[in-house]
Amino acid sequence: MEKIFNNTQVAFSLKSDTELERAYFLFKLIDNQPLVRIGTAVTNFAIKAHLPVEGLIRATVFDHFCGGISEDDCLPVVDKMFAKGVSSVLDYSVEGKEDEVHFDDAMQMTLKIIDFAKEKKAIPFAVFKPTGFGRLDLYEKIGAKIPLTVTEQAEWDRVVARFDQVCKVAYEKDVALLIDSEESWMQDAADDIVEAMMRKYNKEKPIVFNTLQMYRWDRLDYLKKLHEQAKTEGFYIGMKLVRGAYMEKEIERAVEKGYSSPICASKEDTDENYDAAVHYMIENIDKMSIFAGTHNELSSYKLMEFMQERGIAKNDHRIWFGQLYGMSDNISYNLAAHGYNVAKYLPFGPVRDVMPYLIRRAEENTSVAGQTSRELTLIKTERDRRKNSK
């Protein structure tokens, strides 16, 4: 397989020299764990104290990792990326809100994004998080099979209704819908709803996509079991595959509560699990559609090889590669330049409301071995290339 991810001219073709310098500065900060901890604490304090820091945040970390403060604000970024063959997944990244008003607002925003996607080829997917539609504690209680009170049951019925309304509109408008995964202790309840939505709306093709976090050792077995159900009951499977974003929290909770960790024993085991799930889906692509969400170059090459071995076209509509905006541009833009389907998750929302997402993103980068140093190496290579070409 030709190695394509070192071409920094393609990777950073949309970045001005100033934007490239900003990216270098940001990843240098993220590469320093003590600085990330201090910066997180200071930022949280500044926001809670209502200090005027939004302008600074917007001009630095926000604009690097987010598309804008609203869906309309994102459109220039969407159009610019699509000119290079990279699509967008508009991701309303307001986290930590736990009341019915915000749940309804999140549903309405998802419906609006589905409308956007219907009208704009550059936006092939809509997306939402389960806890955007209902309380984490409620998912946890359902998953643990703890009886609900009458009030809680009514609340849960509203959660399910939000899922159904969004999936129904996605089906009617023929827009694929990604549903993110979250902590393992709430995921069983979310999986049950998403499976019900697949049975209902994936009769003709994959519209509703669940997400599997492959740092969980049980997820490949879950996929295989779901596949057997799909064959028996006659529905298609849409699945986003990721490694996972809550590892430290998962391990700490397992130790604290005294149960076996749901996380693979090693990074190597996680990589093998991820690649095995990708391979399984490619082997059964006639009844599945895959959104491979990964910043791992080796896994991306393996998926390319699996496609080549099976004679699957690079632009087959059932197979998408996905990365986060502001990261792994060397993967996204080089894949697109070679004709593969690629989409960037493009977070958006009011600056203050999106800060929990941005802080989590910075913390994740410091915990993923090699990710930030790889970004820095690529940016430095492109800086040197530009200087030498002048």
Protein backbone atom coordinates (compact mmCIF):
# COMPACT_ATOMS: atom_id res chain seq x y z
CA MET A 1 0.00 0.00 0.00
CA GLU A 2 1.41 3.38 -1.04
CA LYS A 3 2.26 5.57 1.97
CA ILE A 4 0.38 8.81 1.46
CA PHE A 5 0.12 10.44 4.89
CA ASN A 6 3.48 12.26 4.89
CA ASN A 7 2.47 14.75 2.18
CA THR A 8 2.25 17.92 4.25
CA GLN A 9 1.67 20.18 1.24
CA VAL A 10 -1.69 18.45 0.69
CA ALA A 11 -2.40 18.11 4.42
CA PHE A 12 -2.05 21.82 5.19
CA SER A 13 -3.07 23.32 1.85
CA LEU A 14 -5.96 25.20 3.50
CA LYS A 15 -3.83 26.70 6.28
CA SER A 16 -2.19 30.08 5.92
CA ASP A 17 1.26 30.60 7.41
CA THR A 18 -0.39 32.33 10.39
CA GLU A 19 -2.82 29.44 10.96
CA LEU A 20 0.05 26.97 10.71
CA GLU A 21 1.98 28.90 13.38
CA ARG A 22 -1.11 28.95 15.61
CA ALA A 23 -1.48 25.17 15.21
CA TYR A 24 2.17 24.66 16.15
CA PHE A 25 1.75 26.87 19.22
CA LEU A 26 -1.41 25.03 20.35
CA PHE A 27 0.03 21.53 19.98
CA LYS A 28 3.20 22.64 21.77
CA LEU A 29 1.00 23.65 24.71
CA ILE A 30 -1.05 20.44 24.54
CA ASP A 31 2.18 18.40 24.51
CA ASN A 32 2.92 19.69 28.02
CA GLN A 33 0.66 17.89 30.51
CA PRO A 34 1.28 20.25 33.47
CA LEU A 35 0.46 23.22 31.22
CA VAL A 36 -2.77 21.54 30.08
CA ARG A 37 -3.82 21.02 33.71
CA ILE A 38 -2.98 24.62 34.64
CA GLY A 39 -4.61 26.01 31.51
CA THR A 40 -7.75 23.98 32.15
CA ALA A 41 -8.03 25.24 35.72
CA VAL A 42 -7.42 28.87 34.71
CA THR A 43 -9.91 28.67 31.83
CA ASN A 44 -12.60 27.11 34.03
CA PHE A 45 -12.06 29.81 36.64
CA ALA A 46 -12.17 32.61 34.06
CA ILE A 47 -15.42 31.36 32.55
CA LYS A 48 -17.12 30.80 35.92
CA ALA A 49 -16.00 34.24 37.07
CA HIS A 50 -17.36 35.72 33.82
CA LEU A 51 -14.00 37.24 32.95
CA PRO A 52 -13.76 38.59 29.35
CA VAL A 53 -11.75 35.70 27.90
CA GLU A 54 -14.06 34.59 25.09
CA GLY A 55 -12.25 36.68 22.46
CA LEU A 56 -8.90 35.11 23.32
CA ILE A 57 -10.37 31.59 23.41
CA ARG A 58 -12.16 32.17 20.11
CA ALA A 59 -9.00 33.40 18.36
CA THR A 60 -6.89 30.45 19.51
CA VAL A 61 -8.12 27.05 20.63
CA PHE A 62 -11.77 27.51 19.58
CA ASP A 63 -11.10 28.48 15.97
CA HIS A 64 -8.57 25.67 15.60
CA PHE A 65 -10.85 22.88 16.85
CA CYS A 66 -14.35 24.29 16.11
CA GLY A 67 -16.21 25.46 13.03
CA GLY A 68 -18.06 28.38 14.61
CA ILE A 69 -20.60 29.44 17.20
CA SER A 70 -23.62 28.42 15.09
CA GLU A 71 -24.41 26.12 12.19
CA ASP A 72 -24.47 29.11 9.79
CA ASP A 73 -21.13 30.28 11.17
CA CYS A 74 -19.66 26.90 10.12
CA LEU A 75 -20.60 27.16 6.45
CA PRO A 76 -17.44 28.96 5.21
CA VAL A 77 -15.34 26.21 6.84
CA VAL A 78 -17.62 23.52 5.39
CA ASP A 79 -17.31 24.95 1.87
CA LYS A 80 -13.55 25.44 2.14
CA MET A 81 -12.96 21.84 3.21
CA PHE A 82 -15.34 20.44 0.61
CA ALA A 83 -13.37 22.22 -2.13
CA LYS A 84 -10.58 19.77 -1.17
CA GLY A 85 -12.95 16.79 -1.11
CA VAL A 86 -13.39 16.65 2.68
CA SER A 87 -16.98 16.58 3.96
CA SER A 88 -18.25 17.83 7.33
CA VAL A 89 -20.26 16.38 10.20
CA LEU A 90 -21.74 19.32 12.10
CA ASP A 91 -21.43 18.40 15.78
CA TYR A 92 -23.36 20.52 18.29
CA SER A 93 -20.80 20.19 21.08
CA VAL A 94 -22.60 21.71 24.05
CA GLU A 95 -22.00 19.29 26.95
CA GLY A 96 -23.04 19.00 30.57
CA LYS A 97 -26.61 20.36 30.28
CA GLU A 98 -29.14 18.18 32.14
CA ASP A 99 -32.62 19.66 31.91
CA GLU A 100 -35.60 19.09 29.63
CA VAL A 101 -35.28 22.48 27.93
CA HIS A 102 -31.72 21.76 26.82
CA PHE A 103 -32.64 18.22 25.74
CA ASP A 104 -35.40 19.61 23.53
CA ASP A 105 -33.05 22.30 22.22
CA ALA A 106 -30.47 19.63 21.33
CA MET A 107 -33.14 17.65 19.48
CA GLN A 108 -34.25 20.73 17.54
CA MET A 109 -30.63 21.50 16.64
CA THR A 110 -30.17 17.93 15.38
CA LEU A 111 -33.30 18.26 13.25
CA LYS A 112 -31.94 21.53 11.86
CA ILE A 113 -28.64 19.83 10.98
CA ILE A 114 -30.54 17.06 9.19
CA ASP A 115 -32.21 19.80 7.10
CA PHE A 116 -28.76 21.27 6.39
CA ALA A 117 -27.45 17.86 5.37
CA LYS A 118 -30.42 17.24 3.07
CA GLU A 119 -29.69 20.46 1.17
CA LYS A 120 -25.88 20.38 1.21
CA LYS A 121 -23.79 17.63 -0.36
CA ALA A 122 -20.82 18.70 1.78
CA ILE A 123 -22.67 17.50 4.92
CA PRO A 124 -23.37 13.77 4.44
CA PHE A 125 -24.21 12.95 8.11
CA ALA A 126 -25.99 14.39 11.11
CA VAL A 127 -24.93 13.45 14.65
CA PHE A 128 -25.93 13.66 18.31
CA LYS A 129 -24.88 12.33 21.73
CA PRO A 130 -27.33 10.23 23.77
CA THR A 131 -26.80 12.44 26.83
CA GLY A 132 -27.81 15.40 24.69
CA PHE A 133 -31.32 13.90 24.74
CA GLY A 134 -31.51 12.64 28.35
CA ARG A 135 -29.81 12.45 31.72
CA LEU A 136 -26.75 10.24 32.17
CA ASP A 137 -28.10 8.91 35.49
CA LEU A 138 -31.30 7.82 33.80
CA TYR A 139 -29.43 5.82 31.13
CA GLU A 140 -27.37 4.25 33.89
CA LYS A 141 -30.44 3.24 35.88
CA ILE A 142 -32.10 1.71 32.81
CA GLY A 143 -28.92 -0.20 31.92
CA ALA A 144 -28.65 -1.55 35.46
CA LYS A 145 -32.28 -2.78 35.26
CA ILE A 146 -33.26 -0.67 38.27
CA PRO A 147 -37.03 -0.01 38.34
CA LEU A 148 -37.99 3.56 37.46
CA THR A 149 -40.40 5.74 39.36
CA VAL A 150 -43.51 6.93 37.51
CA THR A 151 -41.85 10.32 36.96
CA GLU A 152 -38.64 8.72 35.71
CA GLN A 153 -40.57 6.45 33.33
CA ALA A 154 -42.28 9.49 31.82
CA GLU A 155 -38.88 11.15 31.50
CA TRP A 156 -37.43 8.06 29.79
CA ASP A 157 -40.38 7.92 27.40
CA ARG A 158 -39.49 11.47 26.34
CA VAL A 159 -35.87 10.42 25.73
CA VAL A 160 -36.99 7.56 23.49
CA ALA A 161 -39.42 9.89 21.70
CA ARG A 162 -36.58 12.33 20.94
CA PHE A 163 -34.51 9.51 19.43
CA ASP A 164 -37.47 8.34 17.38
CA GLN A 165 -38.38 11.78 16.08
CA VAL A 166 -34.82 12.48 14.93
CA CYS A 167 -34.37 9.03 13.36
CA LYS A 168 -37.75 9.29 11.61
CA VAL A 169 -36.86 12.64 10.04
CA ALA A 170 -33.41 11.33 9.04
CA TYR A 171 -35.12 8.37 7.37
CA GLU A 172 -37.68 10.57 5.58
CA LYS A 173 -34.97 12.94 4.34
CA ASP A 174 -32.52 10.14 3.52
CA VAL A 175 -29.74 11.55 5.73
CA ALA A 176 -27.42 9.17 7.58
CA LEU A 177 -27.44 9.76 11.34
CA LEU A 178 -24.47 9.04 13.62
CA ILE A 179 -25.25 8.44 17.31
CA ASP A 180 -22.18 8.79 19.48
CA SER A 181 -21.26 6.43 22.31
CA GLU A 182 -20.33 7.48 25.83
CA GLU A 183 -19.43 5.89 29.18
CA SER A 184 -19.86 2.11 29.40
CA TRP A 185 -22.22 2.34 32.39
CA MET A 186 -24.81 4.22 30.34
CA GLN A 187 -24.18 2.56 26.99
CA ASP A 188 -26.40 -0.54 27.36
CA ALA A 189 -29.51 1.64 27.57
CA ALA A 190 -28.39 3.74 24.60
CA ASP A 191 -27.58 0.61 22.59
CA ASP A 192 -31.08 -0.75 23.19
CA ILE A 193 -32.68 2.41 21.80
CA VAL A 194 -30.35 2.59 18.79
CA GLU A 195 -30.97 -1.08 17.98
CA ALA A 196 -34.72 -0.39 18.05
CA MET A 197 -34.19 2.55 15.69
CA MET A 198 -32.12 0.37 13.32
CA ARG A 199 -34.89 -2.24 13.23
CA LYS A 200 -37.40 0.48 12.42
CA TYR A 201 -35.49 2.71 9.98
CA ASN A 202 -32.68 0.57 8.48
CA LYS A 203 -34.92 -1.82 6.55
CA GLU A 204 -33.71 -0.62 3.13
CA LYS A 205 -30.19 0.64 3.93
CA PRO A 206 -28.19 2.00 6.87
CA ILE A 207 -29.64 5.32 8.04
CA VAL A 208 -29.13 5.03 11.81
CA PHE A 209 -25.53 4.45 12.93
CA ASN A 210 -24.46 3.40 16.41
CA THR A 211 -20.89 3.86 17.68
CA LEU A 212 -18.57 1.16 19.01
CA GLN A 213 -15.65 2.13 21.24
CA MET A 214 -13.12 -0.57 20.44
CA TYR A 215 -11.02 -0.05 23.56
CA ARG A 216 -13.82 -2.07 25.13
CA TRP A 217 -12.96 -5.76 24.82
CA ASP A 218 -16.61 -6.82 24.43
CA ARG A 219 -17.52 -4.67 21.42
CA LEU A 220 -16.50 -7.06 18.62
CA ASP A 221 -18.70 -9.77 20.12
CA TYR A 222 -21.50 -7.21 20.39
CA LEU A 223 -21.10 -6.37 16.68
CA LYS A 224 -21.21 -10.03 15.67
CA LYS A 225 -24.30 -10.68 17.78
CA LEU A 226 -26.02 -7.63 16.31
CA HIS A 227 -25.15 -8.88 12.83
CA GLU A 228 -26.88 -12.20 13.53
CA GLN A 229 -29.98 -10.33 14.69
CA ALA A 230 -29.86 -8.12 11.59
CA LYS A 231 -29.71 -11.16 9.30
CA THR A 232 -32.64 -12.79 11.10
CA GLU A 233 -34.80 -9.68 11.34
CA GLY A 234 -33.89 -8.09 8.03
CA PHE A 235 -32.24 -4.75 8.79
CA TYR A 236 -28.96 -3.07 7.88
CA ILE A 237 -26.22 -2.05 10.31
CA GLY A 238 -24.62 1.37 10.33
CA MET A 239 -21.65 1.66 12.66
CA LYS A 240 -19.06 4.24 13.54
CA LEU A 241 -15.92 2.60 14.90
CA VAL A 242 -13.63 4.53 17.25
CA ARG A 243 -11.02 3.54 19.78
CA GLY A 244 -12.70 5.48 22.59
CA ALA A 245 -12.52 8.68 24.59
CA TYR A 246 -13.15 7.84 28.25
CA MET A 247 -10.38 5.37 29.10
CA GLU A 248 -9.01 6.92 32.28
CA LYS A 249 -12.51 7.53 33.65
CA GLU A 250 -13.52 3.93 32.82
CA ILE A 251 -10.50 2.38 34.54
CA GLU A 252 -10.82 4.60 37.64
CA ARG A 253 -14.50 3.76 38.05
CA ALA A 254 -13.89 0.02 37.68
CA VAL A 255 -11.24 0.16 40.43
CA GLU A 256 -13.41 2.35 42.65
CA LYS A 257 -16.48 0.09 42.36
CA GLY A 258 -14.60 -3.20 42.27
CA TYR A 259 -15.63 -4.65 38.92
CA SER A 260 -13.56 -5.89 35.97
CA SER A 261 -12.41 -3.09 33.70
CA PRO A 262 -14.30 -2.98 30.37
CA ILE A 263 -11.13 -1.64 28.70
CA CYS A 264 -8.67 -3.81 26.75
CA ALA A 265 -5.55 -4.79 28.68
CA SER A 266 -3.17 -2.88 26.39
CA LYS A 267 -2.94 -0.37 23.56
CA GLU A 268 -1.94 -3.26 21.26
CA ASP A 269 -5.08 -5.19 22.19
CA THR A 270 -7.20 -2.11 21.44
CA ASP A 271 -5.52 -1.69 18.03
CA GLU A 272 -6.13 -5.36 17.20
CA ASN A 273 -9.75 -5.10 18.35
CA TYR A 274 -10.34 -1.99 16.22
CA ASP A 275 -8.79 -3.49 13.09
CA ALA A 276 -10.66 -6.78 13.60
CA ALA A 277 -13.98 -4.90 13.74
CA VAL A 278 -13.11 -2.96 10.58
CA HIS A 279 -12.21 -6.21 8.82
CA TYR A 280 -15.42 -7.90 9.98
CA MET A 281 -17.52 -5.03 8.64
CA ILE A 282 -15.69 -4.99 5.30
CA GLU A 283 -16.23 -8.76 5.00
CA ASN A 284 -19.96 -8.13 5.51
CA ILE A 285 -20.24 -4.80 3.71
CA ASP A 286 -23.27 -5.97 1.71
CA LYS A 287 -25.36 -5.48 4.88
CA MET A 288 -23.32 -2.84 6.68
CA SER A 289 -21.96 0.67 6.36
CA ILE A 290 -18.86 1.82 8.23
CA PHE A 291 -17.69 5.21 9.47
CA ALA A 292 -14.08 4.57 10.51
CA GLY A 293 -13.34 7.30 13.03
CA THR A 294 -9.61 7.09 13.57
CA HIS A 295 -6.48 9.24 13.82
CA ASN A 296 -4.33 6.12 13.53
CA GLU A 297 -2.39 5.98 10.27
CA LEU A 298 -1.79 2.22 10.40
CA SER A 299 -5.49 1.46 10.88
CA SER A 300 -6.31 3.78 7.98
CA TYR A 301 -3.85 1.95 5.74
CA LYS A 302 -5.32 -1.40 6.82
CA LEU A 303 -8.83 -0.29 5.86
CA MET A 304 -7.49 0.87 2.49
CA GLU A 305 -5.87 -2.55 2.03
CA PHE A 306 -9.07 -4.40 3.02
CA MET A 307 -10.97 -2.39 0.41
CA GLN A 308 -8.34 -3.08 -2.25
CA GLU A 309 -8.30 -6.82 -1.48
CA ARG A 310 -12.07 -7.04 -1.91
CA GLY A 311 -12.13 -4.86 -5.02
CA ILE A 312 -14.19 -2.15 -3.30
CA ALA A 313 -14.07 1.26 -4.97
CA LYS A 314 -12.34 4.04 -3.03
CA ASN A 315 -15.49 6.15 -3.12
CA ASP A 316 -17.93 3.35 -2.20
CA HIS A 317 -20.76 5.12 -0.37
CA ARG A 318 -20.82 2.47 2.39
CA ILE A 319 -17.31 3.30 3.65
CA TRP A 320 -16.22 6.58 5.23
CA PHE A 321 -13.07 7.69 7.00
CA GLY A 322 -13.52 10.29 9.75
CA GLN A 323 -11.30 12.56 11.82
CA LEU A 324 -11.83 15.53 14.13
CA TYR A 325 -11.50 19.06 12.81
CA GLY A 326 -8.13 20.53 13.74
CA MET A 327 -6.42 17.14 13.96
CA SER A 328 -4.85 14.59 11.59
CA ASP A 329 -5.17 16.75 8.50
CA ASN A 330 -2.42 14.60 6.97
CA ILE A 331 -4.87 11.67 7.02
CA SER A 332 -8.04 13.52 6.01
CA TYR A 333 -6.79 15.59 3.09
CA ASN A 334 -4.47 12.96 1.64
CA LEU A 335 -7.27 10.36 1.72
CA ALA A 336 -9.59 12.82 -0.01
CA ALA A 337 -6.92 13.65 -2.61
CA HIS A 338 -6.76 9.93 -3.43
CA GLY A 339 -10.52 9.64 -3.89
CA TYR A 340 -11.71 8.17 -0.57
CA ASN A 341 -14.81 9.33 1.31
CA VAL A 342 -13.67 11.51 4.21
CA ALA A 343 -15.59 13.60 6.74
CA LYS A 344 -14.34 15.83 9.54
CA TYR A 345 -16.33 16.16 12.77
CA LEU A 346 -16.89 19.92 12.96
CA PRO A 347 -17.85 20.97 16.51
CA PHE A 348 -19.81 24.18 17.00
CA GLY A 349 -21.73 26.11 19.65
CA PRO A 350 -21.38 29.19 21.88
CA VAL A 351 -17.78 29.57 23.07
CA ARG A 352 -18.58 29.20 26.77
CA ASP A 353 -20.83 26.19 26.22
CA VAL A 354 -18.27 24.39 24.05
CA MET A 355 -15.39 24.82 26.52
CA PRO A 356 -16.06 21.48 28.31
CA TYR A 357 -15.66 19.77 24.92
CA LEU A 358 -12.43 21.67 24.15
CA ILE A 359 -10.97 20.90 27.58
CA ARG A 360 -11.77 17.20 27.13
CA ARG A 361 -10.14 17.31 23.69
CA ALA A 362 -6.93 18.84 25.11
CA GLU A 363 -6.82 16.26 27.92
CA GLU A 364 -7.35 13.40 25.47
CA ASN A 365 -4.49 14.62 23.28
CA THR A 366 -2.08 14.58 26.21
CA SER A 367 -3.07 10.99 27.05
CA VAL A 368 -2.75 9.52 23.52
CA ALA A 369 0.85 8.45 23.09
CA GLY A 370 2.46 9.97 20.02
CA GLN A 371 -0.59 11.88 18.74
CA THR A 372 0.56 15.40 19.61
CA SER A 373 4.22 14.80 18.72
CA ARG A 374 3.09 13.50 15.31
CA GLU A 375 1.06 16.68 14.74
CA LEU A 376 4.07 18.81 15.71
CA THR A 377 6.42 16.90 13.41
CA LEU A 378 4.07 17.31 10.44
CA ILE A 379 3.53 21.03 11.09
CA LYS A 380 7.29 21.60 11.42
CA THR A 381 7.88 19.70 8.17
CA GLU A 382 5.38 21.92 6.36
CA ARG A 383 6.87 25.10 7.87
CA ASP A 384 10.31 24.05 6.60
CA ARG A 385 8.93 23.12 3.18
CA ARG A 386 7.31 26.54 2.80
CA LYS A 387 10.47 28.38 3.87
CA ASN A 388 12.58 26.38 1.42
CA SER A 389 10.17 26.93 -1.45
CA LYS A 390 10.26 30.73 -1.16
